[in-house]
Amino acid sequence: MNDQSIEFEELLASGGKVIGLARLNQPKALNSISLAMIRALHEKLNQWENRPDIAAVWLEGAGEKAFCAGGDIVALYRSMTEHSDHRQSDEGVAFFTEEYELDYQIHTYTKPIIVWGNGIVMGGGVGLLAGASYRVVTENSRVAMPEVTIGLYPDVGASWFLNRMPGRSGLFLGLSGAHMNAADACFAGFADRVIAHDHKAQVLDSLQRSEMLSDRAHLAVSDVLREFEQESARVRPESELRRLLDDINRLTDANTLSEIAARIAAYDGDEPLFQKAAKVVSAGSPTSMAIFERQLQETRHDSLAQVFEKELKLSIRCLEKGEFAEGVRALLIDKDKQPRWRYSSLEGMDQNWIDGFFDHA
């Protein structure tokens, strides 16, 4: 039985095999993922993994605007603010716990998972995309981790994959929330293939008809996606991230986080990517930047499982300490876009405040 917010289909394929299709079905909310959706997808992936007739899984978002714009943070805001007892706060803990379990499940899934990452892919949507076996983006894709604007930090495994990006681009993307196009996403390691969005139905049809799907599913998926990526060369944009990598490395080359943030915020050149980054760093939560930079350092050599374990502890602290709730209030509840951050700058921040996010005893 399907939750209305997520749909499941089973597509008959060659050799008696089946492709399991999951569709995030909240297009008016840009397919933001709720706890109910997380639970339904986790359960269905378990079922499909244990069925020998399921050859591969396809994950997409309903509508044309977004694959997934992130987690349902309005619901998280309610869990942080509306009740004095522990019932609602427990819902926030459950959300992060089960979201990260789903993300880890996708990273370690034994069958091919193809994510069609068209449109907006942000925050929790990146968590779903990043771990898939085959990550497709389109000419419409806009990929970002903008958590510093809401008093959170790049999570959903970002402590793992941002650490593995070229140069200091992971640090820059986390601090600035910069939007990536499809080619940027591939360069950074968020995605694998750029395919024109109008080919989606043909890609699915070719997968269903592939004779290799029955015994060589990964080869079948690779061959089909490779073919359609070659046919989509016309829509592939230039990677701004690749072009500007040396500049990003120079901009983030300083001894302290305060210096790095100041350098980004002071940018006065002509590159739109850096102009937007300057605005975000100037207005974003200094607390978020500080816990992100520390988390990135502390997980540099961790396994994926260790990263998710540490992120869960840190995210629970974010539910408790108020900065996250204030960021969501300002952006999505009152919509005044005037967050009252605990500290207005990195320079004036009490180190004990940041230590408190990492004190998990």
Foldseek 3Di string as FASTA:
>chain_A
DDDQQKDWDWDAFPPQAIEIEIEREDVVQLSADELVNLVVVVVVLVVLLPDLRHLEYEYAYPDQAWRHQYHPVVLLLCLLPVDPDNPSLVRNLSGLVSLLVSLVCQLPRPHAYEYETEHEQEQSSLSNQLRGPAHEYELRYKYWYQLLLQLAWRASLLLPLLLVFPANVSLLRRLQRFIWGRVQCCNRRSHPAYAHPVCVVVLVVQLRHDNCSSPNVVVSNVVSRVVRRVVRPVSDDDGPCVVCVVVLNVLQPDDDLQSSLVSLLPDDDDDPRSVSSNVSSLLGALLRSVLRVVSSVVCSPPDSVVRSVQSSLLVSVSSHPPSNSQSCCCCPNVVVSRGDHPDNGNVPDDVVVSVSSRPRD
